[in-house]
Amino acid sequence: MATGRCLCGAVRYEVVGPLRDVLICHCEECRRWHGHFSASTAANRADLVLVEQAGLKWIDSPGSDARARRGFCGECGSSLFWDAPDRETISIAAGTLDGETGLRVIAHWYVSQAGDYYELPSDGLPRHDLSAQATGLS
């Protein structure tokens, strides 16, 4: 079972099912939300158990074509979740997971919106101009 939390511990979670490998998102919203591109895993919504949620806050993601909302800790500001209502999965910021995860990065998406201040890595991974949903990786 995977566990994770925000920086201050006001939001803690467990994932009782499998995690998807990590997708790197270069979209403008993720860059603004995380301060850089995002690295996210995902789990079935029913497998995410909020152990402590006193600090959990949600904000609509204004430019999301999936009508998503973003979950964060209102105490320390940690970015935690991306939740689209029509999906069975919820995305989890990979950096909030505890310990060794065994996950690996499998693709880059929204590379058409990558910031001009960095170069995409020469990692040989698939690159997509669109979202993970459009590529079948959601």
Protein backbone atom coordinates (compact mmCIF):
# COMPACT_ATOMS: atom_id res chain seq x y z
CA MET A 1 0.00 0.00 0.00
CA ALA A 2 1.32 3.43 -0.95
CA THR A 3 1.09 6.36 1.43
CA GLY A 4 1.71 10.07 1.05
CA ARG A 5 1.19 13.48 2.55
CA CYS A 6 1.60 17.20 2.16
CA LEU A 7 4.64 18.99 3.58
CA CYS A 8 3.09 19.75 6.99
CA GLY A 9 1.02 16.55 7.41
CA ALA A 10 -2.40 18.24 7.49
CA VAL A 11 -3.32 16.03 4.51
CA ARG A 12 -2.31 12.36 4.55
CA TYR A 13 -3.51 9.60 2.25
CA GLU A 14 -3.21 5.90 1.45
CA VAL A 15 -3.68 4.19 -1.89
CA VAL A 16 -5.00 0.66 -1.42
CA GLY A 17 -4.72 -0.31 -5.09
CA PRO A 18 -2.12 0.01 -7.85
CA LEU A 19 -0.57 3.28 -8.96
CA ARG A 20 -0.06 4.20 -12.61
CA ASP A 21 3.49 5.04 -13.61
CA VAL A 22 4.36 8.74 -13.74
CA LEU A 23 3.42 11.15 -16.51
CA ILE A 24 5.19 14.50 -16.86
CA CYS A 25 2.80 17.32 -17.79
CA HIS A 26 4.15 20.50 -19.35
CA CYS A 27 0.80 22.32 -19.70
CA GLU A 28 0.52 25.93 -18.63
CA GLU A 29 -1.85 25.14 -15.76
CA CYS A 30 0.43 22.48 -14.26
CA ARG A 31 3.45 24.76 -14.61
CA ARG A 32 1.59 27.53 -12.76
CA TRP A 33 0.22 25.12 -10.14
CA HIS A 34 3.49 23.33 -9.37
CA GLY A 35 5.92 26.12 -10.24
CA HIS A 36 7.37 23.92 -13.00
CA PHE A 37 6.14 20.91 -14.97
CA SER A 38 4.29 18.29 -12.95
CA ALA A 39 5.06 14.64 -12.28
CA SER A 40 1.90 12.70 -11.45
CA THR A 41 0.82 9.16 -10.86
CA ALA A 42 -2.83 8.10 -10.67
CA ALA A 43 -5.04 5.64 -8.83
CA ASN A 44 -8.63 4.53 -9.03
CA ARG A 45 -10.70 7.07 -7.14
CA ALA A 46 -12.08 4.34 -4.84
CA ASP A 47 -8.52 3.29 -3.90
CA LEU A 48 -7.56 6.72 -2.51
CA VAL A 49 -8.21 6.90 1.23
CA LEU A 50 -7.83 10.27 2.95
CA VAL A 51 -6.38 9.46 6.38
CA GLU A 52 -6.13 13.13 7.39
CA GLN A 53 -7.90 15.82 5.41
CA ALA A 54 -8.12 18.77 7.80
CA GLY A 55 -6.04 20.93 5.46
CA LEU A 56 -7.44 19.71 2.14
CA LYS A 57 -8.82 22.46 -0.10
CA TRP A 58 -10.04 22.31 -3.71
CA ILE A 59 -9.92 24.86 -6.50
CA ASP A 60 -11.36 24.58 -10.00
CA SER A 61 -8.71 24.31 -12.67
CA PRO A 62 -9.87 27.19 -14.90
CA GLY A 63 -8.47 26.10 -18.26
CA SER A 64 -9.08 22.37 -17.86
CA ASP A 65 -10.82 20.77 -20.81
CA ALA A 66 -11.70 17.92 -18.39
CA ARG A 67 -13.43 20.32 -15.93
CA ALA A 68 -10.91 19.23 -13.31
CA ARG A 69 -10.30 20.55 -9.84
CA ARG A 70 -7.01 20.63 -7.99
CA GLY A 71 -6.51 19.56 -4.39
CA PHE A 72 -3.94 21.20 -2.16
CA CYS A 73 -3.12 21.70 1.50
CA GLY A 74 -4.54 24.97 2.77
CA GLU A 75 -2.00 24.95 5.62
CA CYS A 76 1.31 24.52 3.78
CA GLY A 77 0.28 24.97 0.12
CA SER A 78 1.44 21.57 -1.15
CA SER A 79 -0.06 20.56 -4.50
CA LEU A 80 -1.58 17.10 -4.11
CA PHE A 81 -4.35 16.03 -6.50
CA TRP A 82 -5.86 16.63 -9.93
CA ASP A 83 -9.44 15.36 -10.14
CA ALA A 84 -11.59 15.26 -13.30
CA PRO A 85 -15.22 14.34 -12.55
CA ASP A 86 -15.71 12.07 -15.58
CA ARG A 87 -12.69 9.86 -14.88
CA GLU A 88 -12.43 6.79 -12.68
CA THR A 89 -8.94 7.82 -11.61
CA ILE A 90 -7.51 10.69 -9.63
CA SER A 91 -4.02 12.05 -10.31
CA ILE A 92 -1.61 12.31 -7.38
CA ALA A 93 1.51 14.49 -7.32
CA ALA A 94 4.29 11.88 -7.34
CA GLY A 95 6.49 13.97 -5.06
CA THR A 96 3.96 13.63 -2.23
CA LEU A 97 4.38 9.83 -2.01
CA ASP A 98 6.32 8.41 0.92
CA GLY A 99 9.44 6.28 0.53
CA GLU A 100 10.36 4.10 -2.41
CA THR A 101 7.58 3.90 -4.98
CA GLY A 102 8.91 1.61 -7.71
CA LEU A 103 7.31 3.97 -10.24
CA ARG A 104 8.99 5.27 -13.36
CA VAL A 105 8.32 8.12 -15.78
CA ILE A 106 6.62 6.79 -18.91
CA ALA A 107 5.77 9.85 -21.05
CA HIS A 108 5.62 13.63 -21.44
CA TRP A 109 2.35 15.31 -22.37
CA TYR A 110 1.30 18.79 -23.39
CA VAL A 111 4.83 19.29 -24.72
CA SER A 112 3.36 21.96 -27.02
CA GLN A 113 2.95 24.13 -23.89
CA ALA A 114 6.37 23.46 -22.36
CA GLY A 115 8.06 26.51 -20.86
CA ASP A 116 10.66 28.27 -22.95
CA TYR A 117 13.08 28.36 -20.01
CA TYR A 118 13.90 24.64 -20.17
CA GLU A 119 14.59 21.97 -22.76
CA LEU A 120 12.71 18.71 -22.90
CA PRO A 121 15.04 15.92 -21.79
CA SER A 122 16.55 13.49 -24.29
CA ASP A 123 15.13 10.55 -22.36
CA GLY A 124 13.65 8.66 -25.30
CA LEU A 125 10.18 8.67 -23.74
CA PRO A 126 7.05 9.33 -25.78
CA ARG A 127 6.09 12.98 -26.19
CA HIS A 128 2.51 14.07 -26.79
CA ASP A 129 1.11 17.46 -27.72
CA LEU A 130 -2.16 16.52 -26.00
CA SER A 131 -3.25 15.11 -22.66
CA ALA A 132 -2.82 11.61 -21.28
CA GLN A 133 -6.52 11.00 -21.84
CA ALA A 134 -6.13 11.69 -25.55
CA THR A 135 -3.22 9.23 -25.69
CA GLY A 136 -4.93 6.51 -23.68
CA LEU A 137 -2.68 6.85 -20.61
CA SER A 138 -5.10 8.48 -18.16
